Amino acid sequence: MVTDELALLIAPGATPAEATLRVAASIPGVNHVLLGSGHAQHRETAQRVLALPPLPDKTLHEVIDVLGA
């Protein structure tokens, strides 16, 4: 499944949701990511992921290549 492939490419061990959030936060020019959840655990996970450094450009290009295939 492409979702699992991307999650492994982006951050081994991350859930698809965590990997997606990491990509969104790593896109140049993106300064804010809006989230909505009524679950404290989801917010805590998002805070942890958003505190990580941006993904390298190479990884972002690989993600685009997978999505474009």
N, C-alpha and C. Protein backbone atom coordinates (compact mmCIF):
# COMPACT_ATOMS: atom_id res chain seq x y z
N MET A 1 0.86 -1.19 0.00
CA MET A 1 0.00 0.00 0.00
C MET A 1 0.89 1.24 0.00
N VAL A 2 0.56 2.22 -0.80
CA VAL A 2 1.37 3.42 -0.93
C VAL A 2 1.49 4.16 0.39
N THR A 3 0.44 4.22 1.18
CA THR A 3 0.48 4.93 2.45
C THR A 3 1.56 4.37 3.35
N ASP A 4 1.65 3.06 3.45
CA ASP A 4 2.67 2.43 4.29
C ASP A 4 4.07 2.69 3.73
N GLU A 5 4.21 2.63 2.41
CA GLU A 5 5.50 2.92 1.77
C GLU A 5 5.96 4.32 2.10
N LEU A 6 5.05 5.26 2.00
CA LEU A 6 5.40 6.65 2.29
C LEU A 6 5.75 6.85 3.75
N ALA A 7 5.00 6.23 4.64
CA ALA A 7 5.29 6.36 6.06
C ALA A 7 6.70 5.84 6.36
N LEU A 8 7.08 4.72 5.74
CA LEU A 8 8.43 4.17 5.95
C LEU A 8 9.49 5.09 5.37
N LEU A 9 9.21 5.68 4.23
CA LEU A 9 10.15 6.59 3.58
C LEU A 9 10.35 7.85 4.42
N ILE A 10 9.27 8.36 4.94
CA ILE A 10 9.29 9.63 5.66
C ILE A 10 9.89 9.47 7.05
N ALA A 11 9.39 8.51 7.78
CA ALA A 11 9.85 8.32 9.16
C ALA A 11 9.56 6.88 9.58
N PRO A 12 10.55 6.00 9.46
CA PRO A 12 10.33 4.62 9.87
C PRO A 12 9.77 4.54 11.29
N GLY A 13 8.73 3.76 11.44
CA GLY A 13 8.09 3.62 12.74
C GLY A 13 6.94 4.58 12.98
N ALA A 14 6.78 5.56 12.10
CA ALA A 14 5.69 6.53 12.24
C ALA A 14 4.40 5.96 11.67
N THR A 15 3.30 6.41 12.20
CA THR A 15 2.01 6.06 11.62
C THR A 15 1.83 6.88 10.35
N PRO A 16 0.94 6.46 9.46
CA PRO A 16 0.67 7.29 8.28
C PRO A 16 0.27 8.72 8.65
N ALA A 17 -0.50 8.90 9.70
CA ALA A 17 -0.91 10.25 10.11
C ALA A 17 0.29 11.08 10.56
N GLU A 18 1.18 10.47 11.33
CA GLU A 18 2.38 11.18 11.78
C GLU A 18 3.27 11.55 10.60
N ALA A 19 3.43 10.62 9.68
CA ALA A 19 4.26 10.88 8.51
C ALA A 19 3.68 12.00 7.65
N THR A 20 2.38 11.99 7.48
CA THR A 20 1.71 13.03 6.69
C THR A 20 1.91 14.40 7.33
N LEU A 21 1.75 14.46 8.63
CA LEU A 21 1.93 15.72 9.35
C LEU A 21 3.37 16.20 9.22
N ARG A 22 4.32 15.28 9.28
CA ARG A 22 5.74 15.66 9.15
C ARG A 22 6.01 16.24 7.77
N VAL A 23 5.43 15.65 6.73
CA VAL A 23 5.62 16.19 5.38
C VAL A 23 5.00 17.58 5.28
N ALA A 24 3.78 17.73 5.75
CA ALA A 24 3.10 19.03 5.67
C ALA A 24 3.91 20.12 6.36
N ALA A 25 4.47 19.79 7.51
CA ALA A 25 5.24 20.78 8.27
C ALA A 25 6.61 21.04 7.66
N SER A 26 7.07 20.17 6.76
CA SER A 26 8.39 20.31 6.15
C SER A 26 8.38 21.04 4.82
N ILE A 27 7.22 21.32 4.29
CA ILE A 27 7.14 21.98 2.98
C ILE A 27 7.60 23.43 3.11
N PRO A 28 8.56 23.83 2.29
CA PRO A 28 9.05 25.21 2.36
C PRO A 28 7.90 26.21 2.21
N GLY A 29 7.91 27.21 3.04
CA GLY A 29 6.87 28.23 3.01
C GLY A 29 5.69 27.96 3.91
N VAL A 30 5.57 26.75 4.41
CA VAL A 30 4.48 26.43 5.34
C VAL A 30 4.93 26.82 6.74
N ASN A 31 4.22 27.76 7.32
CA ASN A 31 4.57 28.25 8.65
C ASN A 31 3.63 27.75 9.73
N HIS A 32 2.44 27.30 9.32
CA HIS A 32 1.45 26.82 10.30
C HIS A 32 0.74 25.61 9.73
N VAL A 33 0.40 24.70 10.60
CA VAL A 33 -0.41 23.54 10.24
C VAL A 33 -1.60 23.52 11.18
N LEU A 34 -2.79 23.57 10.61
CA LEU A 34 -4.00 23.56 11.43
C LEU A 34 -4.42 22.13 11.72
N LEU A 35 -4.70 21.87 12.97
CA LEU A 35 -5.12 20.54 13.40
C LEU A 35 -6.44 20.64 14.13
N GLY A 36 -7.18 19.57 14.08
CA GLY A 36 -8.41 19.53 14.83
C GLY A 36 -8.60 18.14 15.41
N SER A 37 -8.69 18.05 16.71
CA SER A 37 -8.91 16.77 17.35
C SER A 37 -9.46 17.01 18.74
N GLY A 38 -10.36 16.16 19.14
CA GLY A 38 -10.89 16.22 20.49
C GLY A 38 -10.16 15.29 21.43
N HIS A 39 -9.10 14.66 20.94
CA HIS A 39 -8.37 13.68 21.75
C HIS A 39 -7.02 14.25 22.17
N ALA A 40 -6.77 14.25 23.45
CA ALA A 40 -5.51 14.78 23.97
C ALA A 40 -4.32 14.02 23.39
N GLN A 41 -4.44 12.72 23.22
CA GLN A 41 -3.34 11.92 22.69
C GLN A 41 -2.98 12.36 21.27
N HIS A 42 -3.98 12.69 20.46
CA HIS A 42 -3.71 13.16 19.10
C HIS A 42 -2.95 14.49 19.11
N ARG A 43 -3.37 15.37 20.00
CA ARG A 43 -2.69 16.68 20.09
C ARG A 43 -1.25 16.51 20.58
N GLU A 44 -1.04 15.62 21.55
CA GLU A 44 0.31 15.38 22.06
C GLU A 44 1.21 14.78 20.98
N THR A 45 0.66 13.86 20.20
CA THR A 45 1.42 13.27 19.11
C THR A 45 1.77 14.33 18.08
N ALA A 46 0.82 15.17 17.74
CA ALA A 46 1.07 16.24 16.77
C ALA A 46 2.14 17.19 17.28
N GLN A 47 2.11 17.54 18.54
CA GLN A 47 3.14 18.43 19.10
C GLN A 47 4.51 17.79 19.00
N ARG A 48 4.60 16.49 19.28
CA ARG A 48 5.87 15.77 19.20
C ARG A 48 6.40 15.78 17.76
N VAL A 49 5.51 15.47 16.80
CA VAL A 49 5.92 15.42 15.39
C VAL A 49 6.32 16.81 14.90
N LEU A 50 5.56 17.82 15.26
CA LEU A 50 5.85 19.18 14.79
C LEU A 50 7.11 19.76 15.41
N ALA A 51 7.57 19.19 16.51
CA ALA A 51 8.81 19.65 17.13
C ALA A 51 10.05 19.09 16.44
N LEU A 52 9.86 18.11 15.55
CA LEU A 52 10.98 17.51 14.83
C LEU A 52 11.48 18.47 13.76
N PRO A 53 12.74 18.35 13.38
CA PRO A 53 13.24 19.22 12.31
C PRO A 53 12.57 18.88 10.98
N PRO A 54 12.57 19.81 10.05
CA PRO A 54 11.98 19.53 8.72
C PRO A 54 12.70 18.36 8.06
N LEU A 55 11.97 17.67 7.21
CA LEU A 55 12.57 16.58 6.43
C LEU A 55 13.57 17.16 5.44
N PRO A 56 14.59 16.39 5.11
CA PRO A 56 15.53 16.85 4.09
C PRO A 56 14.85 16.98 2.73
N ASP A 57 15.36 17.88 1.90
CA ASP A 57 14.79 18.08 0.57
C ASP A 57 14.73 16.77 -0.22
N LYS A 58 15.76 15.96 -0.09
CA LYS A 58 15.81 14.68 -0.81
C LYS A 58 14.60 13.82 -0.47
N THR A 59 14.25 13.76 0.80
CA THR A 59 13.09 12.96 1.23
C THR A 59 11.81 13.54 0.67
N LEU A 60 11.66 14.87 0.72
CA LEU A 60 10.46 15.49 0.16
C LEU A 60 10.32 15.18 -1.33
N HIS A 61 11.42 15.21 -2.06
CA HIS A 61 11.38 14.90 -3.50
C HIS A 61 11.01 13.43 -3.73
N GLU A 62 11.50 12.55 -2.87
CA GLU A 62 11.14 11.13 -2.99
C GLU A 62 9.65 10.92 -2.74
N VAL A 63 9.10 11.64 -1.78
CA VAL A 63 7.67 11.55 -1.49
C VAL A 63 6.87 12.01 -2.71
N ILE A 64 7.28 13.11 -3.31
CA ILE A 64 6.60 13.62 -4.51
C ILE A 64 6.67 12.61 -5.63
N ASP A 65 7.83 11.96 -5.78
CA ASP A 65 7.99 10.95 -6.83
C ASP A 65 7.02 9.77 -6.61
N VAL A 66 6.89 9.33 -5.38
CA VAL A 66 5.96 8.21 -5.08
C VAL A 66 4.53 8.63 -5.36
N LEU A 67 4.15 9.84 -4.95
CA LEU A 67 2.78 10.30 -5.16
C LEU A 67 2.48 10.50 -6.64
N GLY A 68 3.50 10.88 -7.41
CA GLY A 68 3.31 11.14 -8.84
C GLY A 68 3.25 9.87 -9.68
N ALA A 69 3.66 8.74 -9.10
CA ALA A 69 3.70 7.48 -9.85
C ALA A 69 2.32 6.88 -10.03
